[in-house]
Structure formats: structure tokens, C-alpha cells
Amino acid sequence: MTTTDKTIVFLSRGIDDERATVAWTLANAGVANGQDVTVFALSAGVDGLRRGAADVVQMNPHDPSMKDLIDNFMDAGGTVWACPPCSALRGYTEDQFIDGVAITGAAPVYELIAGGAATICL
């Protein structure tokens, strides 16, 4: 088994689900601990990546807002990818997402996994 300092967080929950905030919290913890973390948003997870969508989302009053979690993650060097079919189904284009989000297919995800990346699914 190969081990790396890479982690992929699969985010399938939308802005109306507390588990989306949990995914961003886990992603932030990873980058804070030296991990190279990629969030791969799929299904409803792509909804929170649209400009302004996460600006007023705070599922738990004890946690930072979703916007702050996303901003902190990206400012710390985290990578955010959006699933192409999931984005297209909703009519989203890359220019509608917050800066730094790339619409990226499954091949790079599998490359990270083949290289030993840990995976977290929410």
C-alpha cells in the first residue's frame, strides 16, 4: 500500500445540508495539518461553488460560515474541482463558480487515488 500526504474530500451535499459544512471543515483540517487536499464536488455539492451561493450559509452557529470555510481552504492552497456532468446538469459553467474552481473529470481523481490519496466521502 502506498501512502501520501494527499487527501480527496468528495463533497456530494448541497448548501442545505450540514454535511457540506462538515466536508469543508475536514478539508480545512487537512490543509492545516500539511495535507495536499482536493475537494471534488459532485451532485448537489457543486451548488455551493457558485458565486454567492455559500455567502449566507451557516448550518451550525458554532462553526464558521460555509463561505469562510471555502475561502480559508482555498487561501491555504486547497484545490477545488467540480464534476463536469453534475455542473452541466444544473447549467453551471466554470465562470459561474468562485475563483479557483475548475470543472475537472474523474481521470485526475483516479490518478490521486492510484497514487495513494486518502478519500473522505460526504
N, C-alpha and C. Protein backbone atom coordinates (compact mmCIF):
# COMPACT_ATOMS: atom_id res chain seq x y z
N MET A 1 0.84 -1.18 0.00
CA MET A 1 0.00 0.00 0.00
C MET A 1 0.88 1.24 0.00
N THR A 2 0.53 2.21 -0.82
CA THR A 2 1.26 3.46 -0.91
C THR A 2 0.60 4.49 -0.01
N THR A 3 1.42 5.28 0.68
CA THR A 3 0.87 6.37 1.47
C THR A 3 1.42 7.68 0.93
N THR A 4 0.59 8.68 0.96
CA THR A 4 1.00 10.01 0.52
C THR A 4 0.44 11.03 1.49
N ASP A 5 0.76 12.27 1.22
CA ASP A 5 0.20 13.34 2.02
C ASP A 5 -0.97 13.98 1.28
N LYS A 6 -1.64 13.21 0.45
CA LYS A 6 -2.75 13.71 -0.35
C LYS A 6 -4.08 13.14 0.14
N THR A 7 -5.10 13.99 0.11
CA THR A 7 -6.44 13.58 0.51
C THR A 7 -7.43 14.18 -0.47
N ILE A 8 -8.45 13.40 -0.81
CA ILE A 8 -9.57 13.89 -1.61
C ILE A 8 -10.82 13.84 -0.73
N VAL A 9 -11.51 14.97 -0.66
CA VAL A 9 -12.79 15.03 0.03
C VAL A 9 -13.87 15.08 -1.05
N PHE A 10 -14.69 14.04 -1.11
CA PHE A 10 -15.80 14.00 -2.05
C PHE A 10 -16.99 14.68 -1.39
N LEU A 11 -17.41 15.80 -1.96
CA LEU A 11 -18.50 16.61 -1.42
C LEU A 11 -19.74 16.43 -2.29
N SER A 12 -20.72 15.71 -1.79
CA SER A 12 -21.94 15.47 -2.57
C SER A 12 -23.16 16.15 -1.96
N ARG A 13 -22.96 16.93 -0.92
CA ARG A 13 -24.08 17.55 -0.21
C ARG A 13 -24.19 19.02 -0.58
N GLY A 14 -25.41 19.51 -0.65
CA GLY A 14 -25.66 20.89 -1.02
C GLY A 14 -25.62 21.84 0.17
N ILE A 15 -25.91 23.09 -0.12
CA ILE A 15 -25.81 24.14 0.90
C ILE A 15 -26.91 24.05 1.94
N ASP A 16 -27.86 23.16 1.75
CA ASP A 16 -28.94 22.97 2.72
C ASP A 16 -28.68 21.77 3.62
N ASP A 17 -27.48 21.22 3.58
CA ASP A 17 -27.16 20.01 4.34
C ASP A 17 -25.91 20.25 5.18
N GLU A 18 -26.05 20.02 6.47
CA GLU A 18 -24.94 20.25 7.40
C GLU A 18 -23.68 19.47 7.02
N ARG A 19 -23.84 18.35 6.36
CA ARG A 19 -22.67 17.55 5.98
C ARG A 19 -21.77 18.27 4.98
N ALA A 20 -22.29 19.24 4.25
CA ALA A 20 -21.45 20.05 3.37
C ALA A 20 -20.47 20.87 4.20
N THR A 21 -20.95 21.45 5.29
CA THR A 21 -20.08 22.20 6.19
C THR A 21 -19.04 21.28 6.81
N VAL A 22 -19.45 20.07 7.17
CA VAL A 22 -18.52 19.10 7.74
C VAL A 22 -17.42 18.77 6.73
N ALA A 23 -17.77 18.62 5.46
CA ALA A 23 -16.77 18.33 4.43
C ALA A 23 -15.74 19.45 4.34
N TRP A 24 -16.20 20.70 4.34
CA TRP A 24 -15.26 21.84 4.28
C TRP A 24 -14.42 21.94 5.54
N THR A 25 -15.00 21.59 6.68
CA THR A 25 -14.24 21.60 7.94
C THR A 25 -13.13 20.55 7.89
N LEU A 26 -13.44 19.35 7.39
CA LEU A 26 -12.44 18.30 7.26
C LEU A 26 -11.35 18.70 6.26
N ALA A 27 -11.75 19.32 5.17
CA ALA A 27 -10.78 19.77 4.16
C ALA A 27 -9.83 20.81 4.77
N ASN A 28 -10.37 21.73 5.53
CA ASN A 28 -9.54 22.74 6.19
C ASN A 28 -8.59 22.11 7.21
N ALA A 29 -9.07 21.13 7.94
CA ALA A 29 -8.20 20.46 8.91
C ALA A 29 -7.05 19.77 8.20
N GLY A 30 -7.34 19.19 7.05
CA GLY A 30 -6.28 18.52 6.28
C GLY A 30 -5.19 19.48 5.85
N VAL A 31 -5.56 20.61 5.23
CA VAL A 31 -4.53 21.55 4.78
C VAL A 31 -3.80 22.16 5.96
N ALA A 32 -4.50 22.36 7.07
CA ALA A 32 -3.85 22.90 8.27
C ALA A 32 -2.81 21.93 8.84
N ASN A 33 -2.97 20.64 8.52
CA ASN A 33 -2.04 19.62 9.01
C ASN A 33 -1.07 19.16 7.94
N GLY A 34 -0.90 19.98 6.91
CA GLY A 34 0.13 19.70 5.92
C GLY A 34 -0.28 18.78 4.78
N GLN A 35 -1.55 18.43 4.71
CA GLN A 35 -2.02 17.57 3.62
C GLN A 35 -2.23 18.39 2.35
N ASP A 36 -2.06 17.76 1.23
CA ASP A 36 -2.41 18.32 -0.07
C ASP A 36 -3.84 17.85 -0.32
N VAL A 37 -4.82 18.74 -0.11
CA VAL A 37 -6.23 18.34 -0.12
C VAL A 37 -6.93 18.88 -1.36
N THR A 38 -7.70 18.00 -1.99
CA THR A 38 -8.56 18.35 -3.11
C THR A 38 -9.99 18.05 -2.72
N VAL A 39 -10.86 19.02 -2.90
CA VAL A 39 -12.30 18.79 -2.74
C VAL A 39 -12.86 18.54 -4.13
N PHE A 40 -13.50 17.40 -4.31
CA PHE A 40 -14.17 17.08 -5.57
C PHE A 40 -15.66 17.16 -5.32
N ALA A 41 -16.29 18.23 -5.83
CA ALA A 41 -17.72 18.44 -5.63
C ALA A 41 -18.50 17.73 -6.72
N LEU A 42 -19.49 16.96 -6.32
CA LEU A 42 -20.34 16.25 -7.26
C LEU A 42 -21.77 16.31 -6.76
N SER A 43 -22.71 15.96 -7.62
CA SER A 43 -24.13 16.05 -7.29
C SER A 43 -24.44 17.45 -6.75
N ALA A 44 -25.18 17.51 -5.64
CA ALA A 44 -25.56 18.81 -5.08
C ALA A 44 -24.38 19.59 -4.51
N GLY A 45 -23.24 18.93 -4.36
CA GLY A 45 -22.05 19.62 -3.85
C GLY A 45 -21.60 20.77 -4.73
N VAL A 46 -21.91 20.71 -6.04
CA VAL A 46 -21.49 21.80 -6.92
C VAL A 46 -22.30 23.07 -6.68
N ASP A 47 -23.48 22.95 -6.09
CA ASP A 47 -24.33 24.13 -5.87
C ASP A 47 -23.64 25.18 -5.01
N GLY A 48 -22.94 24.77 -4.00
CA GLY A 48 -22.28 25.72 -3.10
C GLY A 48 -21.07 26.40 -3.69
N LEU A 49 -20.64 25.97 -4.87
CA LEU A 49 -19.47 26.57 -5.50
C LEU A 49 -19.81 27.78 -6.37
N ARG A 50 -21.10 27.99 -6.63
CA ARG A 50 -21.50 29.16 -7.43
C ARG A 50 -21.21 30.44 -6.65
N ARG A 51 -20.83 31.46 -7.38
CA ARG A 51 -20.56 32.76 -6.75
C ARG A 51 -21.77 33.18 -5.92
N GLY A 52 -21.53 33.48 -4.66
CA GLY A 52 -22.56 33.97 -3.76
C GLY A 52 -23.40 32.91 -3.09
N ALA A 53 -23.37 31.68 -3.56
CA ALA A 53 -24.26 30.64 -3.03
C ALA A 53 -23.99 30.32 -1.57
N ALA A 54 -22.75 30.33 -1.16
CA ALA A 54 -22.40 29.96 0.22
C ALA A 54 -22.27 31.17 1.14
N ASP A 55 -22.52 32.35 0.62
CA ASP A 55 -22.27 33.58 1.38
C ASP A 55 -23.06 33.69 2.67
N VAL A 56 -24.24 33.15 2.72
CA VAL A 56 -25.08 33.29 3.92
C VAL A 56 -25.40 31.94 4.57
N VAL A 57 -24.63 30.91 4.23
CA VAL A 57 -24.88 29.57 4.77
C VAL A 57 -24.05 29.35 6.03
N GLN A 58 -24.73 29.09 7.13
CA GLN A 58 -24.07 28.73 8.38
C GLN A 58 -24.97 27.72 9.08
N MET A 59 -24.71 26.46 8.83
CA MET A 59 -25.58 25.39 9.31
C MET A 59 -25.51 25.23 10.83
N ASN A 60 -24.35 25.45 11.39
CA ASN A 60 -24.14 25.28 12.83
C ASN A 60 -23.60 26.60 13.37
N PRO A 61 -24.28 27.21 14.33
CA PRO A 61 -23.81 28.51 14.84
C PRO A 61 -22.45 28.44 15.55
N HIS A 62 -21.98 27.23 15.83
CA HIS A 62 -20.68 27.06 16.48
C HIS A 62 -19.54 26.94 15.47
N ASP A 63 -19.88 26.86 14.19
CA ASP A 63 -18.89 26.70 13.12
C ASP A 63 -18.81 27.98 12.31
N PRO A 64 -17.70 28.17 11.60
CA PRO A 64 -17.63 29.30 10.67
C PRO A 64 -18.67 29.13 9.56
N SER A 65 -18.95 30.21 8.86
CA SER A 65 -19.87 30.13 7.73
C SER A 65 -19.25 29.28 6.63
N MET A 66 -20.09 28.78 5.73
CA MET A 66 -19.57 27.97 4.64
C MET A 66 -18.65 28.82 3.75
N LYS A 67 -19.00 30.07 3.54
CA LYS A 67 -18.15 30.96 2.74
C LYS A 67 -16.76 31.07 3.36
N ASP A 68 -16.71 31.27 4.68
CA ASP A 68 -15.41 31.37 5.36
C ASP A 68 -14.63 30.06 5.25
N LEU A 69 -15.32 28.94 5.38
CA LEU A 69 -14.64 27.64 5.26
C LEU A 69 -14.05 27.46 3.86
N ILE A 70 -14.84 27.80 2.83
CA ILE A 70 -14.35 27.66 1.46
C ILE A 70 -13.19 28.62 1.21
N ASP A 71 -13.36 29.88 1.61
CA ASP A 71 -12.30 30.88 1.42
C ASP A 71 -11.01 30.47 2.13
N ASN A 72 -11.13 30.03 3.38
CA ASN A 72 -9.94 29.62 4.15
C ASN A 72 -9.24 28.45 3.48
N PHE A 73 -10.03 27.49 3.00
CA PHE A 73 -9.46 26.32 2.35
C PHE A 73 -8.69 26.72 1.09
N MET A 74 -9.30 27.53 0.28
CA MET A 74 -8.65 27.93 -0.97
C MET A 74 -7.44 28.84 -0.70
N ASP A 75 -7.56 29.73 0.27
CA ASP A 75 -6.43 30.61 0.62
C ASP A 75 -5.25 29.81 1.15
N ALA A 76 -5.52 28.66 1.76
CA ALA A 76 -4.46 27.81 2.31
C ALA A 76 -3.84 26.90 1.24
N GLY A 77 -4.32 27.02 0.01
CA GLY A 77 -3.74 26.23 -1.07
C GLY A 77 -4.51 24.99 -1.45
N GLY A 78 -5.71 24.82 -0.90
CA GLY A 78 -6.54 23.67 -1.27
C GLY A 78 -7.03 23.78 -2.70
N THR A 79 -7.31 22.64 -3.29
CA THR A 79 -7.78 22.56 -4.68
C THR A 79 -9.25 22.19 -4.69
N VAL A 80 -10.02 22.84 -5.56
CA VAL A 80 -11.45 22.54 -5.67
C VAL A 80 -11.78 22.21 -7.12
N TRP A 81 -12.35 21.02 -7.31
CA TRP A 81 -12.79 20.56 -8.62
C TRP A 81 -14.29 20.33 -8.58
N ALA A 82 -14.94 20.62 -9.69
CA ALA A 82 -16.37 20.37 -9.83
C ALA A 82 -16.59 19.32 -10.93
N CYS A 83 -17.47 18.39 -10.66
CA CYS A 83 -17.81 17.32 -11.60
C CYS A 83 -18.44 17.91 -12.86
N PRO A 84 -17.91 17.56 -14.03
CA PRO A 84 -18.47 18.10 -15.28
C PRO A 84 -19.94 17.76 -15.51
N PRO A 85 -20.36 16.48 -15.44
CA PRO A 85 -21.77 16.20 -15.70
C PRO A 85 -22.70 16.82 -14.66
N CYS A 86 -22.26 16.86 -13.41
CA CYS A 86 -23.09 17.44 -12.34
C CYS A 86 -23.26 18.93 -12.56
N SER A 87 -22.20 19.59 -13.00
CA SER A 87 -22.27 21.03 -13.30
C SER A 87 -23.17 21.27 -14.51
N ALA A 88 -22.97 20.49 -15.55
CA ALA A 88 -23.74 20.67 -16.79
C ALA A 88 -25.23 20.42 -16.55
N LEU A 89 -25.55 19.41 -15.76
CA LEU A 89 -26.95 19.10 -15.46
C LEU A 89 -27.67 20.31 -14.87
N ARG A 90 -26.94 21.10 -14.08
CA ARG A 90 -27.51 22.27 -13.43
C ARG A 90 -27.34 23.54 -14.26
N GLY A 91 -26.68 23.41 -15.41
CA GLY A 91 -26.47 24.56 -16.26
C GLY A 91 -25.34 25.46 -15.81
N TYR A 92 -24.46 24.95 -14.94
CA TYR A 92 -23.35 25.76 -14.42
C TYR A 92 -22.15 25.68 -15.35
N THR A 93 -21.51 26.80 -15.53
CA THR A 93 -20.25 26.86 -16.26
C THR A 93 -19.17 27.32 -15.30
N GLU A 94 -17.94 27.08 -15.67
CA GLU A 94 -16.82 27.39 -14.77
C GLU A 94 -16.80 28.87 -14.38
N ASP A 95 -17.22 29.76 -15.26
CA ASP A 95 -17.19 31.18 -14.93
C ASP A 95 -18.26 31.57 -13.91
N GLN A 96 -19.21 30.67 -13.61
CA GLN A 96 -20.21 30.93 -12.58
C GLN A 96 -19.74 30.50 -11.20
N PHE A 97 -18.65 29.75 -11.16
CA PHE A 97 -18.11 29.29 -9.88
C PHE A 97 -17.18 30.34 -9.28
N ILE A 98 -16.93 30.22 -7.99
CA ILE A 98 -15.98 31.12 -7.33
C ILE A 98 -14.60 30.93 -7.96
N ASP A 99 -13.81 31.96 -7.89
CA ASP A 99 -12.47 31.91 -8.49
C ASP A 99 -11.68 30.73 -7.94
N GLY A 100 -11.02 30.04 -8.83
CA GLY A 100 -10.16 28.93 -8.44
C GLY A 100 -10.79 27.56 -8.58
N VAL A 101 -12.09 27.50 -8.81
CA VAL A 101 -12.76 26.22 -9.01
C VAL A 101 -12.61 25.80 -10.46
N ALA A 102 -12.21 24.56 -10.67
CA ALA A 102 -12.06 24.03 -12.02
C ALA A 102 -13.03 22.88 -12.24
N ILE A 103 -13.68 22.88 -13.38
CA ILE A 103 -14.51 21.73 -13.76
C ILE A 103 -13.54 20.67 -14.29
N THR A 104 -13.49 19.56 -13.57
CA THR A 104 -12.48 18.53 -13.83
C THR A 104 -13.13 17.16 -13.77
N GLY A 105 -12.82 16.33 -14.74
CA GLY A 105 -13.38 14.99 -14.80
C GLY A 105 -12.77 14.02 -13.80
N ALA A 106 -13.16 12.79 -13.91
CA ALA A 106 -12.76 11.76 -12.95
C ALA A 106 -11.32 11.29 -13.11
N ALA A 107 -10.72 11.45 -14.29
CA ALA A 107 -9.36 10.92 -14.50
C ALA A 107 -8.35 11.47 -13.50
N PRO A 108 -8.30 12.78 -13.24
CA PRO A 108 -7.35 13.27 -12.24
C PRO A 108 -7.65 12.77 -10.83
N VAL A 109 -8.93 12.54 -10.55
CA VAL A 109 -9.31 11.99 -9.24
C VAL A 109 -8.71 10.59 -9.08
N TYR A 110 -8.85 9.77 -10.12
CA TYR A 110 -8.31 8.41 -10.06
C TYR A 110 -6.79 8.40 -10.03
N GLU A 111 -6.17 9.39 -10.65
CA GLU A 111 -4.71 9.49 -10.56
C GLU A 111 -4.27 9.72 -9.11
N LEU A 112 -4.99 10.59 -8.40
CA LEU A 112 -4.66 10.83 -6.99
C LEU A 112 -4.88 9.56 -6.16
N ILE A 113 -5.99 8.88 -6.42
CA ILE A 113 -6.28 7.65 -5.68
C ILE A 113 -5.22 6.58 -5.98
N ALA A 114 -4.86 6.44 -7.24
CA ALA A 114 -3.83 5.46 -7.61
C ALA A 114 -2.49 5.77 -6.95
N GLY A 115 -2.26 7.05 -6.69
CA GLY A 115 -1.04 7.45 -6.01
C GLY A 115 -1.09 7.31 -4.50
N GLY A 116 -2.22 6.82 -3.98
CA GLY A 116 -2.32 6.56 -2.56
C GLY A 116 -3.08 7.59 -1.76
N ALA A 117 -3.77 8.53 -2.43
CA ALA A 117 -4.51 9.56 -1.69
C ALA A 117 -5.60 8.93 -0.84
N ALA A 118 -5.72 9.47 0.36
CA ALA A 118 -6.83 9.06 1.23
C ALA A 118 -8.10 9.69 0.68
N THR A 119 -9.25 9.07 0.95
CA THR A 119 -10.51 9.61 0.49
C THR A 119 -11.49 9.74 1.65
N ILE A 120 -12.24 10.84 1.61
CA ILE A 120 -13.30 11.09 2.58
C ILE A 120 -14.54 11.42 1.77
N CYS A 121 -15.65 10.76 2.06
CA CYS A 121 -16.87 10.98 1.28
C CYS A 121 -17.99 11.51 2.17
N LEU A 122 -18.55 12.63 1.75
CA LEU A 122 -19.69 13.21 2.46
C LEU A 122 -20.74 13.67 1.48
